[in-house]
Amino acid sequence: MEVERVERSETVFAGRLLQVSRDHVLLADGRRAIREVAHHPGAVAILPIRDDGRIVFVRQYRYAVGKTLLEIPAGTREANEEPDACALRELEEETGYRAGRLRELIRFYVSPGWTDEELVVFVAEALSAGAAHPAGDERLHVVELAPEEAREALRTGSICDAKSVIALLGYFGWTLL
C-alpha cells in the first residue's frame, strides 16, 4: 500500500467550520506532490423513525446549491463531542424529537478526495415530541413521510443529498424495489 508523507503543511484558510491546508507530500515512489485538504471536525446524521413508521425529515434552504432540500436532520460535531451525543443534540435542536433508542447505521467519508470529514449516521427510535430550537441562522421545517413516500422521494430525486440517500438506502436494505 502506498503511503504519502507530509514534508510541509501550510494553512491557507481557517474558517468557522473548516480549515484548508496545502500539504507538500513525498510519494512512495519518491516523487513530490501537493495535496489540498479541507479539515472538518466530523458530523452526524439522524434517521428518525416514529413508532408509526413515519420518517422525520427537515426541509431547509442550502446556500451552497441554491436550493431548498428535503433531508434527514444532521449537524457538525462540537470539539470533543462523541457522535451519539451530537446526534441526540441535533435531533432535538432541529426537530424537537428526543430518541429513546439510538443505533449507529453506517459511517462514511463524505468526499475523501478533498476532505477528511467523516459522517456517522444513526437511526433514532422510540421518539418523544418536543419543541425544536434550531440555530439562529437555520430555517427548518419538519416534514414526516411514510416509508413508501420516502422511497418515492428517493426514486424521483426529491431527496438528493448524499447523507439522506445513504441513510435511507441503508435503512431500506440498499434497494428501492
N, C-alpha and C. Protein backbone atom coordinates (compact mmCIF):
# COMPACT_ATOMS: atom_id res chain seq x y z
N MET A 1 0.84 -1.18 0.00
CA MET A 1 0.00 0.00 0.00
C MET A 1 0.88 1.24 0.00
N GLU A 2 0.58 2.15 -0.88
CA GLU A 2 1.36 3.38 -0.97
C GLU A 2 1.01 4.32 0.17
N VAL A 3 2.06 4.96 0.69
CA VAL A 3 1.88 5.92 1.77
C VAL A 3 2.51 7.22 1.35
N GLU A 4 1.81 8.30 1.59
CA GLU A 4 2.35 9.63 1.31
C GLU A 4 2.79 10.24 2.63
N ARG A 5 3.96 10.88 2.63
CA ARG A 5 4.48 11.50 3.84
C ARG A 5 4.48 13.01 3.66
N VAL A 6 3.90 13.72 4.62
CA VAL A 6 3.84 15.17 4.57
C VAL A 6 5.21 15.74 4.92
N GLU A 7 5.76 16.52 4.00
CA GLU A 7 7.03 17.20 4.25
C GLU A 7 6.80 18.58 4.84
N ARG A 8 5.73 19.23 4.38
CA ARG A 8 5.43 20.58 4.86
C ARG A 8 3.93 20.81 4.67
N SER A 9 3.33 21.47 5.63
CA SER A 9 1.90 21.77 5.56
C SER A 9 1.68 23.23 5.92
N GLU A 10 0.83 23.89 5.16
CA GLU A 10 0.50 25.28 5.46
C GLU A 10 -1.01 25.46 5.45
N THR A 11 -1.50 26.22 6.40
CA THR A 11 -2.93 26.52 6.45
C THR A 11 -3.18 27.68 5.49
N VAL A 12 -4.06 27.45 4.51
CA VAL A 12 -4.37 28.50 3.54
C VAL A 12 -5.72 29.15 3.80
N PHE A 13 -6.51 28.52 4.67
CA PHE A 13 -7.80 29.09 5.06
C PHE A 13 -8.19 28.51 6.40
N ALA A 14 -8.67 29.38 7.28
CA ALA A 14 -9.19 28.92 8.57
C ALA A 14 -10.52 29.64 8.80
N GLY A 15 -11.60 28.89 8.74
CA GLY A 15 -12.93 29.46 8.92
C GLY A 15 -13.60 28.92 10.16
N ARG A 16 -14.86 29.26 10.30
CA ARG A 16 -15.65 28.83 11.45
C ARG A 16 -15.86 27.32 11.46
N LEU A 17 -16.08 26.75 10.28
CA LEU A 17 -16.42 25.33 10.18
C LEU A 17 -15.25 24.45 9.75
N LEU A 18 -14.41 24.95 8.88
CA LEU A 18 -13.34 24.11 8.39
C LEU A 18 -12.04 24.89 8.19
N GLN A 19 -10.98 24.12 8.03
CA GLN A 19 -9.65 24.64 7.79
C GLN A 19 -9.13 23.95 6.54
N VAL A 20 -8.46 24.71 5.68
CA VAL A 20 -7.91 24.12 4.46
C VAL A 20 -6.39 24.21 4.54
N SER A 21 -5.75 23.06 4.29
CA SER A 21 -4.29 23.04 4.28
C SER A 21 -3.79 22.68 2.89
N ARG A 22 -2.61 23.19 2.57
CA ARG A 22 -1.90 22.81 1.36
C ARG A 22 -0.69 22.01 1.84
N ASP A 23 -0.69 20.73 1.55
CA ASP A 23 0.35 19.83 2.03
C ASP A 23 1.31 19.47 0.89
N HIS A 24 2.58 19.59 1.17
CA HIS A 24 3.62 19.16 0.24
C HIS A 24 4.03 17.77 0.70
N VAL A 25 3.80 16.78 -0.15
CA VAL A 25 3.99 15.39 0.26
C VAL A 25 5.02 14.68 -0.60
N LEU A 26 5.65 13.72 0.02
CA LEU A 26 6.58 12.83 -0.66
C LEU A 26 5.82 11.53 -0.93
N LEU A 27 5.72 11.17 -2.20
CA LEU A 27 5.02 9.95 -2.58
C LEU A 27 5.91 8.73 -2.35
N ALA A 28 5.31 7.58 -2.30
CA ALA A 28 6.04 6.34 -2.05
C ALA A 28 7.12 6.07 -3.09
N ASP A 29 6.90 6.55 -4.31
CA ASP A 29 7.89 6.30 -5.37
C ASP A 29 8.96 7.40 -5.45
N GLY A 30 8.95 8.33 -4.48
CA GLY A 30 9.97 9.37 -4.43
C GLY A 30 9.57 10.69 -5.07
N ARG A 31 8.49 10.70 -5.86
CA ARG A 31 8.02 11.96 -6.45
C ARG A 31 7.37 12.82 -5.38
N ARG A 32 7.23 14.10 -5.67
CA ARG A 32 6.58 15.04 -4.76
C ARG A 32 5.26 15.51 -5.37
N ALA A 33 4.32 15.85 -4.50
CA ALA A 33 3.01 16.33 -4.95
C ALA A 33 2.45 17.31 -3.93
N ILE A 34 1.45 18.03 -4.35
CA ILE A 34 0.75 18.95 -3.45
C ILE A 34 -0.67 18.43 -3.28
N ARG A 35 -1.12 18.37 -2.04
CA ARG A 35 -2.49 17.94 -1.72
C ARG A 35 -3.16 19.07 -0.95
N GLU A 36 -4.35 19.44 -1.37
CA GLU A 36 -5.14 20.42 -0.63
C GLU A 36 -6.27 19.66 0.07
N VAL A 37 -6.39 19.90 1.38
CA VAL A 37 -7.34 19.14 2.18
C VAL A 37 -8.18 20.09 3.02
N ALA A 38 -9.49 19.90 2.99
CA ALA A 38 -10.39 20.62 3.88
C ALA A 38 -10.58 19.75 5.12
N HIS A 39 -10.16 20.28 6.27
CA HIS A 39 -10.27 19.55 7.53
C HIS A 39 -11.58 19.94 8.21
N HIS A 40 -12.34 18.95 8.61
CA HIS A 40 -13.67 19.14 9.17
C HIS A 40 -13.76 18.33 10.47
N PRO A 41 -14.44 18.85 11.50
CA PRO A 41 -14.50 18.13 12.78
C PRO A 41 -15.35 16.86 12.77
N GLY A 42 -16.05 16.61 11.68
CA GLY A 42 -16.92 15.44 11.62
C GLY A 42 -18.36 15.84 11.86
N ALA A 43 -19.26 15.00 11.42
CA ALA A 43 -20.68 15.32 11.52
C ALA A 43 -21.48 14.04 11.74
N VAL A 44 -22.74 14.25 12.07
CA VAL A 44 -23.67 13.14 12.24
C VAL A 44 -24.93 13.43 11.43
N ALA A 45 -25.65 12.38 11.13
CA ALA A 45 -26.97 12.49 10.52
C ALA A 45 -27.86 11.49 11.24
N ILE A 46 -29.12 11.84 11.35
CA ILE A 46 -30.05 11.03 12.13
C ILE A 46 -31.26 10.69 11.27
N LEU A 47 -31.59 9.40 11.23
CA LEU A 47 -32.80 8.93 10.55
C LEU A 47 -33.83 8.64 11.63
N PRO A 48 -34.70 9.62 11.92
CA PRO A 48 -35.69 9.44 12.99
C PRO A 48 -36.91 8.67 12.49
N ILE A 49 -37.22 7.58 13.17
CA ILE A 49 -38.36 6.73 12.80
C ILE A 49 -39.38 6.78 13.93
N ARG A 50 -40.56 7.32 13.62
CA ARG A 50 -41.63 7.36 14.62
C ARG A 50 -42.18 5.95 14.86
N ASP A 51 -42.89 5.78 15.97
CA ASP A 51 -43.46 4.47 16.30
C ASP A 51 -44.42 3.97 15.21
N ASP A 52 -45.06 4.90 14.50
CA ASP A 52 -45.97 4.51 13.42
C ASP A 52 -45.25 4.26 12.10
N GLY A 53 -43.91 4.34 12.10
CA GLY A 53 -43.11 4.07 10.92
C GLY A 53 -42.77 5.29 10.08
N ARG A 54 -43.44 6.42 10.35
CA ARG A 54 -43.16 7.62 9.58
C ARG A 54 -41.73 8.09 9.85
N ILE A 55 -41.11 8.64 8.83
CA ILE A 55 -39.72 9.10 8.91
C ILE A 55 -39.73 10.63 8.97
N VAL A 56 -38.93 11.16 9.89
CA VAL A 56 -38.88 12.61 10.12
C VAL A 56 -37.74 13.23 9.31
N PHE A 57 -38.07 14.24 8.54
CA PHE A 57 -37.11 14.99 7.72
C PHE A 57 -37.18 16.47 8.09
N VAL A 58 -36.21 17.21 7.58
CA VAL A 58 -36.28 18.67 7.65
C VAL A 58 -36.13 19.21 6.24
N ARG A 59 -36.89 20.25 5.96
CA ARG A 59 -36.77 20.94 4.68
C ARG A 59 -36.06 22.25 4.99
N GLN A 60 -34.95 22.50 4.25
CA GLN A 60 -34.21 23.73 4.50
C GLN A 60 -33.50 24.21 3.25
N TYR A 61 -33.30 25.51 3.19
CA TYR A 61 -32.57 26.12 2.08
C TYR A 61 -31.09 25.87 2.27
N ARG A 62 -30.41 25.41 1.23
CA ARG A 62 -28.98 25.17 1.27
C ARG A 62 -28.28 26.17 0.34
N TYR A 63 -27.60 27.11 0.95
CA TYR A 63 -26.96 28.20 0.22
C TYR A 63 -25.99 27.70 -0.85
N ALA A 64 -25.16 26.70 -0.52
CA ALA A 64 -24.13 26.23 -1.45
C ALA A 64 -24.71 25.75 -2.78
N VAL A 65 -25.90 25.18 -2.77
CA VAL A 65 -26.51 24.69 -4.01
C VAL A 65 -27.66 25.57 -4.47
N GLY A 66 -28.02 26.55 -3.66
CA GLY A 66 -29.07 27.48 -4.04
C GLY A 66 -30.45 26.85 -4.14
N LYS A 67 -30.71 25.83 -3.32
CA LYS A 67 -31.99 25.13 -3.38
C LYS A 67 -32.48 24.78 -1.98
N THR A 68 -33.78 24.57 -1.87
CA THR A 68 -34.36 24.03 -0.66
C THR A 68 -34.39 22.52 -0.81
N LEU A 69 -33.82 21.81 0.17
CA LEU A 69 -33.71 20.36 0.11
C LEU A 69 -34.50 19.70 1.23
N LEU A 70 -34.94 18.49 0.97
CA LEU A 70 -35.57 17.65 1.97
C LEU A 70 -34.50 16.67 2.44
N GLU A 71 -34.15 16.73 3.72
CA GLU A 71 -33.02 15.97 4.26
C GLU A 71 -33.38 15.36 5.60
N ILE A 72 -32.56 14.41 6.03
CA ILE A 72 -32.66 13.95 7.41
C ILE A 72 -31.90 14.96 8.27
N PRO A 73 -32.26 15.08 9.55
CA PRO A 73 -31.55 16.02 10.43
C PRO A 73 -30.07 15.65 10.53
N ALA A 74 -29.23 16.66 10.67
CA ALA A 74 -27.79 16.42 10.72
C ALA A 74 -27.10 17.63 11.33
N GLY A 75 -25.85 17.44 11.70
CA GLY A 75 -25.09 18.56 12.21
C GLY A 75 -23.64 18.22 12.46
N THR A 76 -22.87 19.27 12.67
CA THR A 76 -21.43 19.15 12.91
C THR A 76 -21.15 18.87 14.37
N ARG A 77 -20.18 18.02 14.59
CA ARG A 77 -19.76 17.71 15.96
C ARG A 77 -19.00 18.88 16.56
N GLU A 78 -19.25 19.14 17.83
CA GLU A 78 -18.50 20.14 18.55
C GLU A 78 -17.20 19.52 19.04
N ALA A 79 -16.26 20.34 19.49
CA ALA A 79 -14.96 19.84 19.95
C ALA A 79 -15.16 18.78 21.03
N ASN A 80 -14.52 17.64 20.86
CA ASN A 80 -14.55 16.51 21.81
C ASN A 80 -15.94 15.91 22.02
N GLU A 81 -16.88 16.19 21.14
CA GLU A 81 -18.24 15.65 21.27
C GLU A 81 -18.31 14.28 20.61
N GLU A 82 -18.82 13.30 21.33
CA GLU A 82 -18.99 11.97 20.78
C GLU A 82 -20.12 11.99 19.74
N PRO A 83 -20.03 11.15 18.71
CA PRO A 83 -21.06 11.16 17.68
C PRO A 83 -22.48 10.93 18.21
N ASP A 84 -22.66 9.99 19.16
CA ASP A 84 -24.02 9.73 19.65
C ASP A 84 -24.58 10.92 20.42
N ALA A 85 -23.75 11.62 21.18
CA ALA A 85 -24.20 12.81 21.90
C ALA A 85 -24.58 13.91 20.92
N CYS A 86 -23.80 14.05 19.87
CA CYS A 86 -24.11 15.04 18.83
C CYS A 86 -25.43 14.70 18.15
N ALA A 87 -25.65 13.43 17.87
CA ALA A 87 -26.89 13.00 17.21
C ALA A 87 -28.10 13.33 18.06
N LEU A 88 -28.04 13.04 19.34
CA LEU A 88 -29.17 13.35 20.23
C LEU A 88 -29.42 14.85 20.29
N ARG A 89 -28.34 15.62 20.37
CA ARG A 89 -28.46 17.09 20.43
C ARG A 89 -29.06 17.64 19.15
N GLU A 90 -28.53 17.23 18.01
CA GLU A 90 -29.01 17.74 16.73
C GLU A 90 -30.46 17.34 16.45
N LEU A 91 -30.83 16.11 16.80
CA LEU A 91 -32.20 15.65 16.60
C LEU A 91 -33.17 16.57 17.34
N GLU A 92 -32.88 16.84 18.60
CA GLU A 92 -33.76 17.70 19.39
C GLU A 92 -33.75 19.14 18.88
N GLU A 93 -32.56 19.67 18.57
CA GLU A 93 -32.48 21.05 18.09
C GLU A 93 -33.28 21.25 16.81
N GLU A 94 -33.13 20.32 15.86
CA GLU A 94 -33.73 20.52 14.54
C GLU A 94 -35.19 20.09 14.44
N THR A 95 -35.60 19.08 15.22
CA THR A 95 -36.96 18.56 15.07
C THR A 95 -37.80 18.65 16.34
N GLY A 96 -37.17 18.79 17.49
CA GLY A 96 -37.88 18.75 18.76
C GLY A 96 -38.02 17.34 19.31
N TYR A 97 -37.72 16.34 18.51
CA TYR A 97 -37.85 14.96 18.98
C TYR A 97 -36.66 14.55 19.85
N ARG A 98 -36.97 13.71 20.83
CA ARG A 98 -35.93 13.05 21.64
C ARG A 98 -36.02 11.57 21.33
N ALA A 99 -34.86 10.92 21.30
CA ALA A 99 -34.81 9.50 20.96
C ALA A 99 -34.68 8.66 22.22
N GLY A 100 -35.53 7.63 22.32
CA GLY A 100 -35.40 6.65 23.39
C GLY A 100 -34.36 5.60 23.06
N ARG A 101 -34.16 5.37 21.73
CA ARG A 101 -33.15 4.43 21.26
C ARG A 101 -32.39 5.07 20.10
N LEU A 102 -31.09 4.83 20.11
CA LEU A 102 -30.23 5.36 19.05
C LEU A 102 -29.25 4.25 18.68
N ARG A 103 -29.18 3.94 17.38
CA ARG A 103 -28.21 2.92 16.96
C ARG A 103 -27.49 3.41 15.70
N GLU A 104 -26.22 3.10 15.67
CA GLU A 104 -25.41 3.51 14.53
C GLU A 104 -25.77 2.65 13.32
N LEU A 105 -25.97 3.32 12.18
CA LEU A 105 -26.30 2.63 10.94
C LEU A 105 -25.07 2.45 10.05
N ILE A 106 -24.32 3.54 9.85
CA ILE A 106 -23.16 3.48 8.95
C ILE A 106 -22.27 4.70 9.19
N ARG A 107 -20.99 4.55 8.86
CA ARG A 107 -20.02 5.65 8.87
C ARG A 107 -19.42 5.71 7.47
N PHE A 108 -19.17 6.93 6.99
CA PHE A 108 -18.51 7.05 5.70
C PHE A 108 -17.80 8.40 5.60
N TYR A 109 -16.79 8.44 4.71
CA TYR A 109 -16.11 9.70 4.40
C TYR A 109 -16.91 10.39 3.31
N VAL A 110 -17.22 11.64 3.53
CA VAL A 110 -18.11 12.39 2.65
C VAL A 110 -17.53 12.50 1.24
N SER A 111 -16.27 12.90 1.13
CA SER A 111 -15.60 13.03 -0.16
C SER A 111 -14.10 13.00 0.07
N PRO A 112 -13.52 11.80 0.22
CA PRO A 112 -12.13 11.67 0.66
C PRO A 112 -11.08 12.20 -0.32
N GLY A 113 -11.48 12.62 -1.49
CA GLY A 113 -10.53 13.22 -2.42
C GLY A 113 -10.10 14.62 -2.00
N TRP A 114 -10.91 15.27 -1.16
CA TRP A 114 -10.56 16.64 -0.77
C TRP A 114 -10.87 17.00 0.68
N THR A 115 -11.57 16.14 1.42
CA THR A 115 -11.86 16.45 2.82
C THR A 115 -11.73 15.21 3.69
N ASP A 116 -11.41 15.44 4.96
CA ASP A 116 -11.30 14.33 5.91
C ASP A 116 -12.59 14.15 6.71
N GLU A 117 -13.66 14.83 6.32
CA GLU A 117 -14.93 14.75 7.06
C GLU A 117 -15.48 13.32 7.06
N GLU A 118 -15.75 12.83 8.27
CA GLU A 118 -16.42 11.55 8.45
C GLU A 118 -17.84 11.83 8.95
N LEU A 119 -18.80 11.15 8.37
CA LEU A 119 -20.19 11.32 8.78
C LEU A 119 -20.68 10.01 9.37
N VAL A 120 -21.29 10.10 10.54
CA VAL A 120 -21.83 8.93 11.22
C VAL A 120 -23.35 9.05 11.18
N VAL A 121 -24.01 8.04 10.64
CA VAL A 121 -25.47 8.04 10.52
C VAL A 121 -26.06 7.14 11.58
N PHE A 122 -27.06 7.67 12.27
CA PHE A 122 -27.77 6.93 13.31
C PHE A 122 -29.23 6.76 12.94
N VAL A 123 -29.85 5.70 13.44
CA VAL A 123 -31.30 5.54 13.40
C VAL A 123 -31.79 5.86 14.81
N ALA A 124 -32.76 6.77 14.90
CA ALA A 124 -33.35 7.15 16.18
C ALA A 124 -34.77 6.62 16.24
N GLU A 125 -35.09 5.93 17.34
CA GLU A 125 -36.41 5.33 17.51
C GLU A 125 -36.94 5.64 18.90
N ALA A 126 -38.16 5.19 19.18
CA ALA A 126 -38.83 5.48 20.45
C ALA A 126 -38.80 6.99 20.69
N LEU A 127 -39.32 7.73 19.70
CA LEU A 127 -39.26 9.18 19.73
C LEU A 127 -40.34 9.77 20.62
N SER A 128 -39.99 10.85 21.29
CA SER A 128 -40.98 11.65 22.01
C SER A 128 -40.86 13.07 21.51
N ALA A 129 -42.02 13.69 21.28
CA ALA A 129 -42.06 15.02 20.67
C ALA A 129 -41.78 16.12 21.68
N GLY A 130 -41.22 17.19 21.17
CA GLY A 130 -40.94 18.37 21.97
C GLY A 130 -40.82 19.56 21.02
N ALA A 131 -40.26 20.64 21.52
CA ALA A 131 -40.11 21.85 20.72
C ALA A 131 -38.71 21.91 20.11
N ALA A 132 -38.67 22.20 18.82
CA ALA A 132 -37.39 22.36 18.13
C ALA A 132 -36.78 23.70 18.53
N HIS A 133 -35.47 23.79 18.50
CA HIS A 133 -34.77 25.05 18.74
C HIS A 133 -33.51 25.09 17.87
N PRO A 134 -33.74 25.32 16.56
CA PRO A 134 -32.62 25.34 15.62
C PRO A 134 -31.70 26.53 15.86
N ALA A 135 -30.50 26.46 15.30
CA ALA A 135 -29.54 27.57 15.38
C ALA A 135 -30.16 28.81 14.75
N GLY A 136 -29.66 29.96 15.15
CA GLY A 136 -30.23 31.23 14.70
C GLY A 136 -30.26 31.43 13.20
N ASP A 137 -29.32 30.82 12.48
CA ASP A 137 -29.28 31.00 11.03
C ASP A 137 -29.97 29.87 10.26
N GLU A 138 -30.62 28.96 10.98
CA GLU A 138 -31.33 27.85 10.33
C GLU A 138 -32.83 28.13 10.25
N ARG A 139 -33.39 27.86 9.09
CA ARG A 139 -34.84 27.94 8.90
C ARG A 139 -35.29 26.55 8.46
N LEU A 140 -35.76 25.78 9.44
CA LEU A 140 -36.10 24.39 9.20
C LEU A 140 -37.60 24.17 9.29
N HIS A 141 -38.10 23.30 8.45
CA HIS A 141 -39.50 22.89 8.50
C HIS A 141 -39.52 21.37 8.59
N VAL A 142 -40.12 20.85 9.65
CA VAL A 142 -40.18 19.40 9.85
C VAL A 142 -41.22 18.81 8.90
N VAL A 143 -40.84 17.72 8.25
CA VAL A 143 -41.71 17.00 7.32
C VAL A 143 -41.65 15.53 7.70
N GLU A 144 -42.81 14.89 7.78
CA GLU A 144 -42.85 13.46 8.12
C GLU A 144 -43.46 12.70 6.95
N LEU A 145 -42.76 11.65 6.52
CA LEU A 145 -43.20 10.85 5.38
C LEU A 145 -43.36 9.38 5.78
N ALA A 146 -44.36 8.75 5.22
CA ALA A 146 -44.50 7.30 5.36
C ALA A 146 -43.35 6.66 4.59
N PRO A 147 -42.95 5.45 4.95
CA PRO A 147 -41.84 4.79 4.25
C PRO A 147 -42.01 4.75 2.73
N GLU A 148 -43.22 4.47 2.25
CA GLU A 148 -43.42 4.42 0.80
C GLU A 148 -43.27 5.80 0.16
N GLU A 149 -43.63 6.86 0.90
CA GLU A 149 -43.44 8.22 0.40
C GLU A 149 -41.94 8.57 0.35
N ALA A 150 -41.19 8.12 1.33
CA ALA A 150 -39.75 8.36 1.34
C ALA A 150 -39.07 7.62 0.19
N ARG A 151 -39.49 6.38 -0.06
CA ARG A 151 -38.94 5.61 -1.19
C ARG A 151 -39.22 6.33 -2.50
N GLU A 152 -40.43 6.84 -2.65
CA GLU A 152 -40.79 7.56 -3.88
C GLU A 152 -39.98 8.84 -4.01
N ALA A 153 -39.75 9.53 -2.91
CA ALA A 153 -38.94 10.75 -2.94
C ALA A 153 -37.50 10.44 -3.35
N LEU A 154 -36.99 9.28 -2.94
CA LEU A 154 -35.67 8.84 -3.39
C LEU A 154 -35.67 8.55 -4.89
N ARG A 155 -36.67 7.81 -5.33
CA ARG A 155 -36.76 7.43 -6.75
C ARG A 155 -36.86 8.65 -7.65
N THR A 156 -37.61 9.66 -7.22
CA THR A 156 -37.84 10.84 -8.08
C THR A 156 -36.77 11.91 -7.92
N GLY A 157 -35.86 11.73 -6.96
CA GLY A 157 -34.82 12.73 -6.75
C GLY A 157 -35.24 13.87 -5.85
N SER A 158 -36.41 13.77 -5.23
CA SER A 158 -36.83 14.81 -4.28
C SER A 158 -35.94 14.81 -3.04
N ILE A 159 -35.40 13.65 -2.70
CA ILE A 159 -34.37 13.55 -1.67
C ILE A 159 -33.09 13.28 -2.44
N CYS A 160 -32.14 14.22 -2.38
CA CYS A 160 -30.97 14.12 -3.26
C CYS A 160 -29.64 14.42 -2.59
N ASP A 161 -29.61 14.65 -1.28
CA ASP A 161 -28.31 14.87 -0.65
C ASP A 161 -27.75 13.51 -0.21
N ALA A 162 -26.43 13.40 -0.24
CA ALA A 162 -25.78 12.10 -0.04
C ALA A 162 -26.11 11.47 1.30
N LYS A 163 -26.08 12.23 2.38
CA LYS A 163 -26.30 11.62 3.70
C LYS A 163 -27.70 11.02 3.80
N SER A 164 -28.70 11.71 3.25
CA SER A 164 -30.06 11.21 3.32
C SER A 164 -30.24 10.00 2.42
N VAL A 165 -29.67 10.04 1.23
CA VAL A 165 -29.77 8.91 0.30
C VAL A 165 -29.12 7.67 0.91
N ILE A 166 -27.89 7.84 1.44
CA ILE A 166 -27.18 6.70 2.03
C ILE A 166 -27.94 6.16 3.24
N ALA A 167 -28.44 7.04 4.10
CA ALA A 167 -29.17 6.60 5.29
C ALA A 167 -30.42 5.83 4.90
N LEU A 168 -31.19 6.35 3.98
CA LEU A 168 -32.43 5.69 3.58
C LEU A 168 -32.16 4.36 2.88
N LEU A 169 -31.19 4.35 1.98
CA LEU A 169 -30.86 3.08 1.32
C LEU A 169 -30.40 2.04 2.34
N GLY A 170 -29.58 2.46 3.30
CA GLY A 170 -29.15 1.53 4.34
C GLY A 170 -30.31 1.02 5.16
N TYR A 171 -31.21 1.90 5.49
CA TYR A 171 -32.37 1.53 6.29
C TYR A 171 -33.31 0.60 5.52
N PHE A 172 -33.50 0.88 4.23
CA PHE A 172 -34.38 0.09 3.40
C PHE A 172 -33.71 -1.18 2.86
N GLY A 173 -32.47 -1.43 3.23
CA GLY A 173 -31.80 -2.64 2.76
C GLY A 173 -31.10 -2.48 1.44
N TRP A 174 -30.67 -1.27 1.08
CA TRP A 174 -29.89 -0.95 -0.10
C TRP A 174 -30.64 -1.18 -1.40
N THR A 175 -31.94 -1.09 -1.34
CA THR A 175 -32.73 -1.26 -2.56
C THR A 175 -33.94 -0.34 -2.52
N LEU A 176 -34.38 0.07 -3.68
CA LEU A 176 -35.60 0.87 -3.78
C LEU A 176 -36.75 0.04 -4.32
N LEU A 177 -36.54 -1.24 -4.51
CA LEU A 177 -37.60 -2.11 -5.06
C LEU A 177 -38.66 -2.42 -4.01
